[in-house]
Amino acid sequence: MKKQTNCYHCEGKGYIEIRDCSGEVQREETCVFCEGRGHMIEQKEVKTNH
């Protein structure tokens, strides 16, 4: 079973903003945690009794 949730690192945007010490955005980079998708796919193990 798959469950989709927003990426906790980029908050669902798919990218992160790199800022300087004054808070100005210097550049944007693809989120490495969700690989730019903006969401995480969690797989839950389904146990069956045989």
N, C-alpha and C. Protein backbone atom coordinates (compact mmCIF):
# COMPACT_ATOMS: atom_id res chain seq x y z
N MET A 1 0.84 -1.17 0.00
CA MET A 1 0.00 0.00 0.00
C MET A 1 0.89 1.24 0.00
N LYS A 2 0.60 2.19 -0.85
CA LYS A 2 1.40 3.40 -0.95
C LYS A 2 0.63 4.58 -0.37
N LYS A 3 1.35 5.45 0.32
CA LYS A 3 0.76 6.65 0.88
C LYS A 3 1.62 7.83 0.46
N GLN A 4 0.99 8.89 -0.06
CA GLN A 4 1.71 10.06 -0.52
C GLN A 4 1.56 11.19 0.49
N THR A 5 2.68 11.78 0.91
CA THR A 5 2.65 12.92 1.81
C THR A 5 3.61 13.97 1.27
N ASN A 6 3.34 15.24 1.60
CA ASN A 6 4.24 16.31 1.20
C ASN A 6 5.61 16.08 1.79
N CYS A 7 6.62 16.46 1.04
CA CYS A 7 7.99 16.35 1.52
C CYS A 7 8.17 17.30 2.70
N TYR A 8 8.74 16.81 3.77
CA TYR A 8 8.94 17.62 4.97
C TYR A 8 10.05 18.63 4.79
N HIS A 9 10.97 18.38 3.87
CA HIS A 9 12.13 19.26 3.70
C HIS A 9 11.79 20.49 2.85
N CYS A 10 11.10 20.29 1.74
CA CYS A 10 10.78 21.40 0.83
C CYS A 10 9.33 21.86 0.98
N GLU A 11 8.58 21.22 1.86
CA GLU A 11 7.17 21.55 2.12
C GLU A 11 6.30 21.41 0.86
N GLY A 12 6.62 20.45 0.02
CA GLY A 12 5.81 20.14 -1.14
C GLY A 12 6.12 20.95 -2.39
N LYS A 13 7.14 21.81 -2.35
CA LYS A 13 7.47 22.64 -3.51
C LYS A 13 8.34 21.91 -4.53
N GLY A 14 9.15 20.96 -4.09
CA GLY A 14 10.04 20.25 -4.99
C GLY A 14 11.41 20.90 -5.11
N TYR A 15 11.57 22.05 -4.51
CA TYR A 15 12.86 22.73 -4.52
C TYR A 15 13.06 23.45 -3.20
N ILE A 16 14.30 23.79 -2.91
CA ILE A 16 14.61 24.56 -1.71
C ILE A 16 15.30 25.85 -2.14
N GLU A 17 15.11 26.89 -1.34
CA GLU A 17 15.73 28.18 -1.63
C GLU A 17 16.98 28.32 -0.78
N ILE A 18 18.09 28.62 -1.42
CA ILE A 18 19.35 28.84 -0.72
C ILE A 18 19.46 30.34 -0.49
N ARG A 19 19.56 30.73 0.78
CA ARG A 19 19.59 32.15 1.12
C ARG A 19 20.95 32.53 1.70
N ASP A 20 21.28 33.82 1.58
CA ASP A 20 22.50 34.31 2.20
C ASP A 20 22.19 34.74 3.64
N CYS A 21 23.17 35.29 4.33
CA CYS A 21 22.99 35.62 5.74
C CYS A 21 21.99 36.75 5.98
N SER A 22 21.69 37.55 4.95
CA SER A 22 20.70 38.62 5.12
C SER A 22 19.29 38.16 4.78
N GLY A 23 19.16 36.91 4.31
CA GLY A 23 17.84 36.36 4.02
C GLY A 23 17.43 36.46 2.56
N GLU A 24 18.27 37.03 1.72
CA GLU A 24 17.97 37.13 0.30
C GLU A 24 18.17 35.77 -0.38
N VAL A 25 17.25 35.43 -1.29
CA VAL A 25 17.37 34.17 -2.02
C VAL A 25 18.50 34.30 -3.04
N GLN A 26 19.46 33.40 -2.95
CA GLN A 26 20.59 33.40 -3.88
C GLN A 26 20.33 32.47 -5.07
N ARG A 27 19.73 31.30 -4.79
CA ARG A 27 19.43 30.35 -5.86
C ARG A 27 18.43 29.32 -5.34
N GLU A 28 17.88 28.56 -6.26
CA GLU A 28 16.98 27.47 -5.92
C GLU A 28 17.61 26.17 -6.38
N GLU A 29 17.44 25.12 -5.58
CA GLU A 29 17.97 23.81 -5.93
C GLU A 29 16.88 22.76 -5.79
N THR A 30 16.97 21.73 -6.59
CA THR A 30 16.05 20.61 -6.50
C THR A 30 16.21 19.95 -5.13
N CYS A 31 15.12 19.65 -4.49
CA CYS A 31 15.15 19.00 -3.18
C CYS A 31 15.73 17.59 -3.34
N VAL A 32 16.75 17.30 -2.55
CA VAL A 32 17.39 15.99 -2.65
C VAL A 32 16.59 14.90 -1.93
N PHE A 33 15.70 15.29 -1.03
CA PHE A 33 14.94 14.29 -0.29
C PHE A 33 13.82 13.69 -1.13
N CYS A 34 13.11 14.52 -1.89
CA CYS A 34 12.01 14.00 -2.72
C CYS A 34 12.37 13.99 -4.20
N GLU A 35 13.59 14.41 -4.54
CA GLU A 35 14.09 14.44 -5.92
C GLU A 35 13.23 15.32 -6.83
N GLY A 36 12.69 16.41 -6.28
CA GLY A 36 11.92 17.36 -7.07
C GLY A 36 10.45 17.04 -7.23
N ARG A 37 9.99 15.94 -6.67
CA ARG A 37 8.58 15.56 -6.81
C ARG A 37 7.66 16.40 -5.91
N GLY A 38 8.17 16.81 -4.75
CA GLY A 38 7.35 17.57 -3.81
C GLY A 38 6.59 16.70 -2.83
N HIS A 39 6.67 15.40 -3.01
CA HIS A 39 6.00 14.50 -2.09
C HIS A 39 6.85 13.25 -1.87
N MET A 40 6.61 12.62 -0.76
CA MET A 40 7.30 11.39 -0.42
C MET A 40 6.31 10.24 -0.60
N ILE A 41 6.81 9.13 -1.06
CA ILE A 41 5.96 7.94 -1.20
C ILE A 41 6.40 6.95 -0.13
N GLU A 42 5.49 6.70 0.80
CA GLU A 42 5.78 5.76 1.87
C GLU A 42 5.13 4.44 1.53
N GLN A 43 5.89 3.39 1.68
CA GLN A 43 5.34 2.06 1.43
C GLN A 43 5.11 1.38 2.77
N LYS A 44 3.88 0.95 2.96
CA LYS A 44 3.56 0.22 4.18
C LYS A 44 3.50 -1.25 3.84
N GLU A 45 4.09 -2.03 4.70
CA GLU A 45 4.10 -3.46 4.51
C GLU A 45 2.74 -4.04 4.90
N VAL A 46 2.20 -4.81 4.04
CA VAL A 46 0.92 -5.45 4.32
C VAL A 46 1.20 -6.91 4.64
N LYS A 47 0.85 -7.29 5.85
CA LYS A 47 1.08 -8.68 6.27
C LYS A 47 -0.19 -9.49 6.02
N THR A 48 -0.01 -10.65 5.46
CA THR A 48 -1.14 -11.54 5.24
C THR A 48 -0.92 -12.82 6.02
N ASN A 49 -1.98 -13.32 6.54
CA ASN A 49 -1.93 -14.60 7.27
C ASN A 49 -2.27 -15.73 6.30
N HIS A 50 -1.36 -16.64 6.16
CA HIS A 50 -1.60 -17.78 5.25
C HIS A 50 -1.98 -18.98 6.05
